[in-house]
Amino acid sequence: MKTASGTILQFALILTSAALAVLIVNNSRYKHLLEQFQAENTQLAERLDQAGKEPAGRIETPKETSDAGRAGPAAAIELFSRDIQAMKKKGLLDPVSEIIADLKQHRGLIPYKGVLGGTMNFYDDSKIWILTKKWVLAYFEDGHVAGYLLLEYEVTQGGKIIWKTVASYIA
């Protein structure tokens, strides 16, 4: 009986030691990530403060790329902070995100039908570029064919966004 309980205790000790080793390794890895995110958060907070102090200036965005190597929507934005503030006064809390989200709800703006059972839509946020306070360039596809739309938009009081297709083509 003593050997069975001794074996169980040895097994529990080995299992506990292995779990502790895994926790130590993960703690080290996640501590590094946490420090990286905190530094990035500090930089973003400083940029946000700068943008609030320069209402007539341009918000500079870094030309970073996403994991897939493509520039995200923020890399192409040409909005001035005064334009962002005007959109906020009209009811958009986060103008960039809300413009992209609203456009994705309006796939009827795409003047082409999907082929081979596909559905035309704006599937990739990183391929929707807000060019100015008036223009958006958006990539659309159905999984078989793809194209681009040049759109005009207007933010009205209450945060409603009105869209108009200016030009389009299948790539």
N, C-alpha and C. Protein backbone atom coordinates (compact mmCIF):
# COMPACT_ATOMS: atom_id res chain seq x y z
N MET A 1 0.82 -1.19 0.00
CA MET A 1 0.00 0.00 0.00
C MET A 1 0.87 1.26 0.00
N LYS A 2 2.02 1.17 0.75
CA LYS A 2 2.89 2.32 0.81
C LYS A 2 3.53 2.60 -0.54
N THR A 3 3.84 1.60 -1.32
CA THR A 3 4.48 1.83 -2.62
C THR A 3 3.50 2.46 -3.60
N ALA A 4 2.24 2.09 -3.52
CA ALA A 4 1.25 2.69 -4.42
C ALA A 4 1.05 4.16 -4.09
N SER A 5 0.94 4.48 -2.82
CA SER A 5 0.75 5.89 -2.45
C SER A 5 2.03 6.69 -2.71
N GLY A 6 3.20 6.07 -2.55
CA GLY A 6 4.46 6.73 -2.86
C GLY A 6 4.59 7.01 -4.35
N THR A 7 4.15 6.07 -5.17
CA THR A 7 4.19 6.25 -6.62
C THR A 7 3.24 7.37 -7.03
N ILE A 8 2.09 7.42 -6.41
CA ILE A 8 1.11 8.47 -6.72
C ILE A 8 1.68 9.84 -6.33
N LEU A 9 2.33 9.91 -5.18
CA LEU A 9 2.94 11.17 -4.75
C LEU A 9 4.06 11.61 -5.68
N GLN A 10 4.88 10.64 -6.13
CA GLN A 10 5.96 10.97 -7.07
C GLN A 10 5.37 11.48 -8.38
N PHE A 11 4.32 10.82 -8.86
CA PHE A 11 3.66 11.23 -10.11
C PHE A 11 3.08 12.64 -9.94
N ALA A 12 2.43 12.90 -8.80
CA ALA A 12 1.85 14.22 -8.56
C ALA A 12 2.94 15.28 -8.50
N LEU A 13 4.08 14.96 -7.90
CA LEU A 13 5.19 15.90 -7.82
C LEU A 13 5.75 16.20 -9.21
N ILE A 14 5.90 15.17 -10.04
CA ILE A 14 6.40 15.36 -11.41
C ILE A 14 5.41 16.20 -12.21
N LEU A 15 4.13 15.90 -12.10
CA LEU A 15 3.09 16.64 -12.82
C LEU A 15 3.06 18.10 -12.37
N THR A 16 3.16 18.33 -11.09
CA THR A 16 3.17 19.69 -10.56
C THR A 16 4.40 20.45 -11.05
N SER A 17 5.55 19.79 -11.07
CA SER A 17 6.78 20.42 -11.55
C SER A 17 6.67 20.78 -13.03
N ALA A 18 6.09 19.90 -13.83
CA ALA A 18 5.92 20.17 -15.26
C ALA A 18 4.97 21.34 -15.47
N ALA A 19 3.88 21.38 -14.71
CA ALA A 19 2.92 22.48 -14.83
C ALA A 19 3.57 23.80 -14.43
N LEU A 20 4.38 23.78 -13.40
CA LEU A 20 5.08 24.99 -12.95
C LEU A 20 6.05 25.47 -14.02
N ALA A 21 6.76 24.55 -14.67
CA ALA A 21 7.69 24.92 -15.74
C ALA A 21 6.95 25.58 -16.90
N VAL A 22 5.80 25.03 -17.27
CA VAL A 22 4.99 25.61 -18.35
C VAL A 22 4.53 27.01 -17.97
N LEU A 23 4.10 27.18 -16.73
CA LEU A 23 3.66 28.50 -16.27
C LEU A 23 4.80 29.52 -16.30
N ILE A 24 5.99 29.11 -15.93
CA ILE A 24 7.14 30.02 -15.93
C ILE A 24 7.48 30.45 -17.35
N VAL A 25 7.48 29.50 -18.28
CA VAL A 25 7.78 29.82 -19.68
C VAL A 25 6.72 30.76 -20.25
N ASN A 26 5.44 30.44 -20.03
CA ASN A 26 4.37 31.29 -20.54
C ASN A 26 4.40 32.67 -19.91
N ASN A 27 4.70 32.75 -18.63
CA ASN A 27 4.77 34.04 -17.96
C ASN A 27 5.84 34.92 -18.60
N SER A 28 6.98 34.33 -18.89
CA SER A 28 8.07 35.08 -19.52
C SER A 28 7.64 35.58 -20.90
N ARG A 29 7.02 34.71 -21.69
CA ARG A 29 6.59 35.08 -23.04
C ARG A 29 5.53 36.17 -22.99
N TYR A 30 4.53 36.01 -22.14
CA TYR A 30 3.44 36.98 -22.08
C TYR A 30 3.87 38.29 -21.42
N LYS A 31 4.86 38.23 -20.54
CA LYS A 31 5.37 39.46 -19.94
C LYS A 31 5.98 40.34 -21.03
N HIS A 32 6.73 39.72 -21.94
CA HIS A 32 7.33 40.46 -23.06
C HIS A 32 6.24 41.08 -23.93
N LEU A 33 5.20 40.34 -24.25
CA LEU A 33 4.10 40.87 -25.06
C LEU A 33 3.39 42.01 -24.34
N LEU A 34 3.17 41.86 -23.05
CA LEU A 34 2.51 42.91 -22.27
C LEU A 34 3.33 44.21 -22.31
N GLU A 35 4.63 44.09 -22.15
CA GLU A 35 5.49 45.27 -22.21
C GLU A 35 5.42 45.93 -23.58
N GLN A 36 5.40 45.12 -24.62
CA GLN A 36 5.31 45.64 -25.99
C GLN A 36 3.98 46.37 -26.19
N PHE A 37 2.88 45.79 -25.73
CA PHE A 37 1.56 46.42 -25.88
C PHE A 37 1.46 47.70 -25.05
N GLN A 38 2.06 47.71 -23.88
CA GLN A 38 2.04 48.91 -23.05
C GLN A 38 2.79 50.05 -23.72
N ALA A 39 3.93 49.75 -24.34
CA ALA A 39 4.70 50.78 -25.04
C ALA A 39 3.91 51.30 -26.23
N GLU A 40 3.28 50.41 -26.97
CA GLU A 40 2.47 50.82 -28.11
C GLU A 40 1.27 51.66 -27.65
N ASN A 41 0.66 51.28 -26.55
CA ASN A 41 -0.47 52.03 -26.00
C ASN A 41 -0.04 53.44 -25.61
N THR A 42 1.13 53.57 -25.01
CA THR A 42 1.65 54.89 -24.63
C THR A 42 1.85 55.77 -25.87
N GLN A 43 2.41 55.19 -26.93
CA GLN A 43 2.61 55.95 -28.18
C GLN A 43 1.27 56.39 -28.77
N LEU A 44 0.29 55.50 -28.77
CA LEU A 44 -1.02 55.84 -29.31
C LEU A 44 -1.70 56.93 -28.48
N ALA A 45 -1.56 56.87 -27.17
CA ALA A 45 -2.14 57.90 -26.30
C ALA A 45 -1.50 59.25 -26.58
N GLU A 46 -0.19 59.27 -26.80
CA GLU A 46 0.50 60.53 -27.12
C GLU A 46 0.01 61.09 -28.45
N ARG A 47 -0.18 60.21 -29.45
CA ARG A 47 -0.68 60.66 -30.76
C ARG A 47 -2.11 61.18 -30.64
N LEU A 48 -2.90 60.55 -29.81
CA LEU A 48 -4.27 60.99 -29.61
C LEU A 48 -4.29 62.37 -28.95
N ASP A 49 -3.44 62.58 -27.96
CA ASP A 49 -3.32 63.89 -27.32
C ASP A 49 -2.90 64.94 -28.34
N GLN A 50 -1.92 64.59 -29.18
CA GLN A 50 -1.43 65.51 -30.20
C GLN A 50 -2.56 65.87 -31.17
N ALA A 51 -3.34 64.91 -31.57
CA ALA A 51 -4.43 65.15 -32.51
C ALA A 51 -5.47 66.09 -31.90
N GLY A 52 -5.72 65.97 -30.61
CA GLY A 52 -6.69 66.83 -29.95
C GLY A 52 -6.20 68.26 -29.80
N LYS A 53 -4.90 68.46 -29.79
CA LYS A 53 -4.33 69.80 -29.64
C LYS A 53 -4.16 70.51 -30.98
N GLU A 54 -4.30 69.78 -32.08
CA GLU A 54 -4.10 70.36 -33.40
C GLU A 54 -5.36 70.18 -34.25
N PRO A 55 -6.44 70.90 -33.93
CA PRO A 55 -7.70 70.67 -34.64
C PRO A 55 -7.65 70.98 -36.12
N ALA A 56 -6.75 71.83 -36.57
CA ALA A 56 -6.70 72.13 -38.00
C ALA A 56 -5.58 71.37 -38.68
N GLY A 57 -4.85 70.57 -37.96
CA GLY A 57 -3.72 69.85 -38.54
C GLY A 57 -4.13 68.49 -39.07
N ARG A 58 -3.21 67.86 -39.67
CA ARG A 58 -3.44 66.54 -40.25
C ARG A 58 -3.02 65.47 -39.25
N ILE A 59 -3.80 64.41 -39.15
CA ILE A 59 -3.43 63.30 -38.29
C ILE A 59 -2.48 62.41 -39.07
N GLU A 60 -1.28 62.28 -38.56
CA GLU A 60 -0.31 61.44 -39.24
C GLU A 60 -0.50 60.01 -38.77
N THR A 61 -0.52 59.08 -39.70
CA THR A 61 -0.65 57.67 -39.36
C THR A 61 0.57 56.93 -39.86
N PRO A 62 1.09 55.99 -39.08
CA PRO A 62 2.24 55.23 -39.53
C PRO A 62 1.85 54.33 -40.68
N LYS A 63 2.77 54.07 -41.55
CA LYS A 63 2.51 53.20 -42.70
C LYS A 63 2.81 51.76 -42.30
N GLU A 64 2.04 51.27 -41.34
CA GLU A 64 2.24 49.91 -40.86
C GLU A 64 1.44 48.96 -41.74
N THR A 65 1.82 47.71 -41.71
CA THR A 65 1.09 46.71 -42.48
C THR A 65 0.50 45.69 -41.53
N SER A 66 -0.53 45.04 -42.00
CA SER A 66 -1.17 44.00 -41.19
C SER A 66 -0.34 42.73 -41.28
N ASP A 67 -0.80 41.68 -40.59
CA ASP A 67 -0.09 40.42 -40.60
C ASP A 67 0.05 39.86 -42.01
N ALA A 68 -0.92 40.15 -42.87
CA ALA A 68 -0.88 39.62 -44.23
C ALA A 68 0.04 40.44 -45.12
N GLY A 69 0.63 41.52 -44.59
CA GLY A 69 1.55 42.32 -45.38
C GLY A 69 0.86 43.42 -46.16
N ARG A 70 -0.43 43.56 -46.01
CA ARG A 70 -1.16 44.62 -46.71
C ARG A 70 -1.34 45.79 -45.77
N ALA A 71 -1.37 46.96 -46.36
CA ALA A 71 -1.62 48.15 -45.54
C ALA A 71 -3.06 48.13 -45.07
N GLY A 72 -3.29 48.43 -43.80
CA GLY A 72 -4.64 48.48 -43.27
C GLY A 72 -5.31 49.78 -43.65
N PRO A 73 -6.59 49.93 -43.32
CA PRO A 73 -7.30 51.12 -43.74
C PRO A 73 -6.70 52.40 -43.17
N ALA A 74 -6.10 52.33 -41.99
CA ALA A 74 -5.54 53.54 -41.40
C ALA A 74 -4.35 54.06 -42.20
N ALA A 75 -3.70 53.22 -42.99
CA ALA A 75 -2.53 53.65 -43.74
C ALA A 75 -2.90 54.57 -44.89
N ALA A 76 -4.14 54.58 -45.32
CA ALA A 76 -4.52 55.38 -46.48
C ALA A 76 -5.40 56.56 -46.11
N ILE A 77 -5.70 56.74 -44.86
CA ILE A 77 -6.64 57.78 -44.45
C ILE A 77 -6.02 59.15 -44.63
N GLU A 78 -6.76 60.03 -45.24
CA GLU A 78 -6.32 61.40 -45.46
C GLU A 78 -7.28 62.37 -44.78
N LEU A 79 -7.78 61.99 -43.63
CA LEU A 79 -8.70 62.84 -42.91
C LEU A 79 -7.95 63.81 -42.01
N PHE A 80 -8.37 65.04 -42.02
CA PHE A 80 -7.82 66.03 -41.10
C PHE A 80 -8.56 65.91 -39.77
N SER A 81 -7.89 66.28 -38.69
CA SER A 81 -8.52 66.18 -37.38
C SER A 81 -9.78 67.05 -37.32
N ARG A 82 -9.80 68.17 -38.04
CA ARG A 82 -11.00 69.01 -38.03
C ARG A 82 -12.17 68.28 -38.69
N ASP A 83 -11.89 67.44 -39.70
CA ASP A 83 -12.95 66.66 -40.35
C ASP A 83 -13.47 65.57 -39.41
N ILE A 84 -12.55 64.94 -38.69
CA ILE A 84 -12.95 63.91 -37.73
C ILE A 84 -13.80 64.55 -36.63
N GLN A 85 -13.40 65.71 -36.15
CA GLN A 85 -14.18 66.40 -35.11
C GLN A 85 -15.57 66.77 -35.62
N ALA A 86 -15.66 67.22 -36.88
CA ALA A 86 -16.97 67.56 -37.46
C ALA A 86 -17.86 66.33 -37.54
N MET A 87 -17.28 65.18 -37.90
CA MET A 87 -18.06 63.94 -37.97
C MET A 87 -18.52 63.52 -36.58
N LYS A 88 -17.68 63.72 -35.60
CA LYS A 88 -18.05 63.39 -34.22
C LYS A 88 -19.21 64.27 -33.76
N LYS A 89 -19.18 65.55 -34.14
CA LYS A 89 -20.28 66.46 -33.77
C LYS A 89 -21.59 66.04 -34.42
N LYS A 90 -21.49 65.37 -35.57
CA LYS A 90 -22.69 64.91 -36.26
C LYS A 90 -23.18 63.56 -35.73
N GLY A 91 -22.41 62.95 -34.81
CA GLY A 91 -22.91 61.74 -34.16
C GLY A 91 -22.08 60.49 -34.33
N LEU A 92 -20.96 60.54 -35.04
CA LEU A 92 -20.10 59.36 -35.16
C LEU A 92 -19.09 59.38 -34.02
N LEU A 93 -19.06 58.32 -33.24
CA LEU A 93 -18.13 58.25 -32.12
C LEU A 93 -16.72 57.93 -32.58
N ASP A 94 -16.62 57.02 -33.55
CA ASP A 94 -15.34 56.60 -34.13
C ASP A 94 -15.51 56.63 -35.65
N PRO A 95 -15.34 57.81 -36.26
CA PRO A 95 -15.68 57.98 -37.67
C PRO A 95 -15.08 56.94 -38.62
N VAL A 96 -13.81 56.62 -38.48
CA VAL A 96 -13.17 55.68 -39.40
C VAL A 96 -13.84 54.31 -39.33
N SER A 97 -13.94 53.77 -38.14
CA SER A 97 -14.54 52.45 -37.97
C SER A 97 -16.01 52.44 -38.39
N GLU A 98 -16.74 53.49 -38.05
CA GLU A 98 -18.16 53.54 -38.37
C GLU A 98 -18.41 53.72 -39.86
N ILE A 99 -17.56 54.46 -40.56
CA ILE A 99 -17.71 54.60 -42.01
C ILE A 99 -17.48 53.25 -42.67
N ILE A 100 -16.44 52.55 -42.27
CA ILE A 100 -16.15 51.23 -42.85
C ILE A 100 -17.28 50.26 -42.54
N ALA A 101 -17.73 50.23 -41.29
CA ALA A 101 -18.81 49.31 -40.90
C ALA A 101 -20.09 49.63 -41.66
N ASP A 102 -20.40 50.91 -41.83
CA ASP A 102 -21.62 51.29 -42.54
C ASP A 102 -21.54 50.88 -44.00
N LEU A 103 -20.39 51.09 -44.63
CA LEU A 103 -20.24 50.70 -46.03
C LEU A 103 -20.45 49.20 -46.18
N LYS A 104 -19.92 48.42 -45.27
CA LYS A 104 -20.06 46.95 -45.34
C LYS A 104 -21.52 46.51 -45.24
N GLN A 105 -22.38 47.38 -44.72
CA GLN A 105 -23.82 47.08 -44.64
C GLN A 105 -24.55 47.47 -45.92
N HIS A 106 -23.84 48.07 -46.88
CA HIS A 106 -24.47 48.55 -48.11
C HIS A 106 -23.89 47.87 -49.35
N ARG A 107 -23.90 46.54 -49.35
CA ARG A 107 -23.36 45.84 -50.51
C ARG A 107 -24.17 46.08 -51.77
N GLY A 108 -25.38 46.62 -51.62
CA GLY A 108 -26.20 46.96 -52.78
C GLY A 108 -25.59 48.06 -53.63
N LEU A 109 -24.58 48.76 -53.10
CA LEU A 109 -23.88 49.78 -53.88
C LEU A 109 -23.01 49.15 -54.98
N ILE A 110 -22.69 47.88 -54.83
CA ILE A 110 -21.86 47.19 -55.82
C ILE A 110 -22.74 46.88 -57.03
N PRO A 111 -22.42 47.43 -58.20
CA PRO A 111 -23.30 47.28 -59.36
C PRO A 111 -23.08 46.01 -60.17
N TYR A 112 -22.47 45.00 -59.58
CA TYR A 112 -22.20 43.75 -60.29
C TYR A 112 -22.78 42.58 -59.50
N LYS A 113 -23.23 41.59 -60.20
CA LYS A 113 -23.74 40.37 -59.58
C LYS A 113 -22.59 39.39 -59.38
N GLY A 114 -22.69 38.58 -58.34
CA GLY A 114 -21.70 37.55 -58.11
C GLY A 114 -21.82 36.46 -59.16
N VAL A 115 -20.73 35.72 -59.37
CA VAL A 115 -20.73 34.63 -60.34
C VAL A 115 -20.48 33.31 -59.63
N LEU A 116 -20.87 32.25 -60.24
CA LEU A 116 -20.65 30.89 -59.73
C LEU A 116 -21.11 30.72 -58.29
N GLY A 117 -22.22 31.37 -57.96
CA GLY A 117 -22.79 31.25 -56.62
C GLY A 117 -22.18 32.19 -55.59
N GLY A 118 -21.24 33.01 -55.98
CA GLY A 118 -20.61 33.95 -55.04
C GLY A 118 -21.50 35.16 -54.78
N THR A 119 -21.23 35.86 -53.70
CA THR A 119 -21.97 37.06 -53.34
C THR A 119 -21.00 38.22 -53.25
N MET A 120 -21.25 39.25 -54.06
CA MET A 120 -20.40 40.44 -54.02
C MET A 120 -20.55 41.13 -52.66
N ASN A 121 -19.41 41.50 -52.09
CA ASN A 121 -19.44 42.19 -50.81
C ASN A 121 -18.08 42.81 -50.54
N PHE A 122 -18.03 43.66 -49.54
CA PHE A 122 -16.79 44.26 -49.06
C PHE A 122 -16.31 43.37 -47.91
N TYR A 123 -15.48 42.38 -48.20
CA TYR A 123 -15.11 41.40 -47.21
C TYR A 123 -13.90 41.79 -46.37
N ASP A 124 -13.03 42.62 -46.88
CA ASP A 124 -11.75 42.89 -46.24
C ASP A 124 -11.65 44.36 -45.83
N ASP A 125 -11.72 44.63 -44.52
CA ASP A 125 -11.61 46.01 -44.02
C ASP A 125 -10.32 46.69 -44.47
N SER A 126 -9.25 45.92 -44.61
CA SER A 126 -7.97 46.52 -44.97
C SER A 126 -7.94 46.99 -46.43
N LYS A 127 -9.00 46.71 -47.17
CA LYS A 127 -9.08 47.14 -48.57
C LYS A 127 -10.20 48.15 -48.76
N ILE A 128 -10.52 48.87 -47.70
CA ILE A 128 -11.44 50.00 -47.76
C ILE A 128 -10.63 51.21 -47.31
N TRP A 129 -10.43 52.14 -48.24
CA TRP A 129 -9.59 53.30 -47.97
C TRP A 129 -10.45 54.55 -47.93
N ILE A 130 -10.40 55.25 -46.80
CA ILE A 130 -11.08 56.54 -46.68
C ILE A 130 -10.08 57.56 -47.20
N LEU A 131 -10.37 58.09 -48.37
CA LEU A 131 -9.42 58.99 -49.02
C LEU A 131 -9.48 60.40 -48.46
N THR A 132 -10.70 60.91 -48.27
CA THR A 132 -10.90 62.26 -47.74
C THR A 132 -12.21 62.25 -46.96
N LYS A 133 -12.63 63.44 -46.54
CA LYS A 133 -13.91 63.55 -45.84
C LYS A 133 -15.09 63.33 -46.77
N LYS A 134 -14.83 63.10 -48.05
CA LYS A 134 -15.89 62.95 -49.04
C LYS A 134 -15.79 61.68 -49.87
N TRP A 135 -14.60 61.08 -49.99
CA TRP A 135 -14.38 59.97 -50.90
C TRP A 135 -13.86 58.72 -50.20
N VAL A 136 -14.32 57.57 -50.70
CA VAL A 136 -13.85 56.26 -50.23
C VAL A 136 -13.57 55.40 -51.45
N LEU A 137 -12.48 54.66 -51.43
CA LEU A 137 -12.17 53.66 -52.45
C LEU A 137 -12.31 52.31 -51.76
N ALA A 138 -13.11 51.42 -52.35
CA ALA A 138 -13.37 50.14 -51.70
C ALA A 138 -13.21 48.97 -52.67
N TYR A 139 -12.54 47.95 -52.22
CA TYR A 139 -12.36 46.70 -52.96
C TYR A 139 -13.54 45.79 -52.64
N PHE A 140 -14.08 45.14 -53.66
CA PHE A 140 -15.16 44.18 -53.44
C PHE A 140 -14.86 42.91 -54.21
N GLU A 141 -15.50 41.83 -53.83
CA GLU A 141 -15.31 40.56 -54.52
C GLU A 141 -16.42 39.59 -54.16
N ASP A 142 -16.45 38.49 -54.91
CA ASP A 142 -17.38 37.42 -54.58
C ASP A 142 -16.65 36.09 -54.42
N GLY A 143 -15.32 36.13 -54.41
CA GLY A 143 -14.52 34.92 -54.33
C GLY A 143 -14.06 34.43 -55.69
N HIS A 144 -14.65 34.97 -56.76
CA HIS A 144 -14.27 34.58 -58.11
C HIS A 144 -13.79 35.78 -58.93
N VAL A 145 -14.51 36.87 -58.84
CA VAL A 145 -14.14 38.11 -59.52
C VAL A 145 -14.12 39.23 -58.49
N ALA A 146 -13.38 40.29 -58.82
CA ALA A 146 -13.23 41.39 -57.86
C ALA A 146 -13.20 42.71 -58.61
N GLY A 147 -13.35 43.78 -57.87
CA GLY A 147 -13.30 45.10 -58.47
C GLY A 147 -13.17 46.17 -57.41
N TYR A 148 -13.29 47.41 -57.88
CA TYR A 148 -13.16 48.57 -57.00
C TYR A 148 -14.32 49.52 -57.23
N LEU A 149 -14.71 50.19 -56.16
CA LEU A 149 -15.73 51.24 -56.22
C LEU A 149 -15.11 52.53 -55.70
N LEU A 150 -15.40 53.61 -56.39
CA LEU A 150 -15.11 54.93 -55.85
C LEU A 150 -16.45 55.47 -55.39
N LEU A 151 -16.52 55.80 -54.12
CA LEU A 151 -17.78 56.22 -53.52
C LEU A 151 -17.67 57.62 -52.94
N GLU A 152 -18.77 58.33 -53.00
CA GLU A 152 -18.90 59.61 -52.33
C GLU A 152 -19.77 59.35 -51.10
N TYR A 153 -19.43 59.96 -49.99
CA TYR A 153 -20.25 59.79 -48.80
C TYR A 153 -20.44 61.12 -48.10
N GLU A 154 -21.50 61.17 -47.32
CA GLU A 154 -21.78 62.35 -46.52
C GLU A 154 -22.30 61.89 -45.17
N VAL A 155 -21.77 62.48 -44.11
CA VAL A 155 -22.25 62.19 -42.76
C VAL A 155 -23.25 63.28 -42.41
N THR A 156 -24.49 62.86 -42.15
CA THR A 156 -25.53 63.83 -41.81
C THR A 156 -25.71 63.88 -40.30
N GLN A 157 -26.48 64.86 -39.85
CA GLN A 157 -26.75 65.01 -38.42
C GLN A 157 -27.37 63.71 -37.90
N GLY A 158 -26.97 63.27 -36.75
CA GLY A 158 -27.44 62.02 -36.18
C GLY A 158 -26.54 60.85 -36.56
N GLY A 159 -25.47 61.12 -37.31
CA GLY A 159 -24.50 60.08 -37.64
C GLY A 159 -24.89 59.19 -38.80
N LYS A 160 -25.92 59.54 -39.54
CA LYS A 160 -26.32 58.74 -40.71
C LYS A 160 -25.35 59.02 -41.85
N ILE A 161 -24.99 57.97 -42.58
CA ILE A 161 -24.06 58.11 -43.69
C ILE A 161 -24.81 57.83 -44.99
N ILE A 162 -24.72 58.78 -45.92
CA ILE A 162 -25.37 58.65 -47.22
C ILE A 162 -24.29 58.32 -48.24
N TRP A 163 -24.52 57.29 -49.05
CA TRP A 163 -23.55 56.80 -50.02
C TRP A 163 -24.01 57.04 -51.45
N LYS A 164 -23.04 57.27 -52.32
CA LYS A 164 -23.32 57.41 -53.75
C LYS A 164 -22.14 56.78 -54.50
N THR A 165 -22.43 55.85 -55.41
CA THR A 165 -21.38 55.25 -56.23
C THR A 165 -21.00 56.23 -57.33
N VAL A 166 -19.74 56.55 -57.43
CA VAL A 166 -19.23 57.48 -58.43
C VAL A 166 -18.69 56.71 -59.64
N ALA A 167 -17.90 55.69 -59.40
CA ALA A 167 -17.32 54.89 -60.48
C ALA A 167 -17.03 53.49 -59.96
N SER A 168 -16.98 52.53 -60.88
CA SER A 168 -16.66 51.15 -60.49
C SER A 168 -16.09 50.42 -61.68
N TYR A 169 -15.36 49.36 -61.38
CA TYR A 169 -14.89 48.47 -62.44
C TYR A 169 -14.50 47.13 -61.84
N ILE A 170 -14.56 46.12 -62.70
CA ILE A 170 -14.10 44.79 -62.33
C ILE A 170 -12.63 44.71 -62.68
N ALA A 171 -11.81 44.28 -61.74
CA ALA A 171 -10.36 44.23 -61.97
C ALA A 171 -9.98 43.02 -62.79
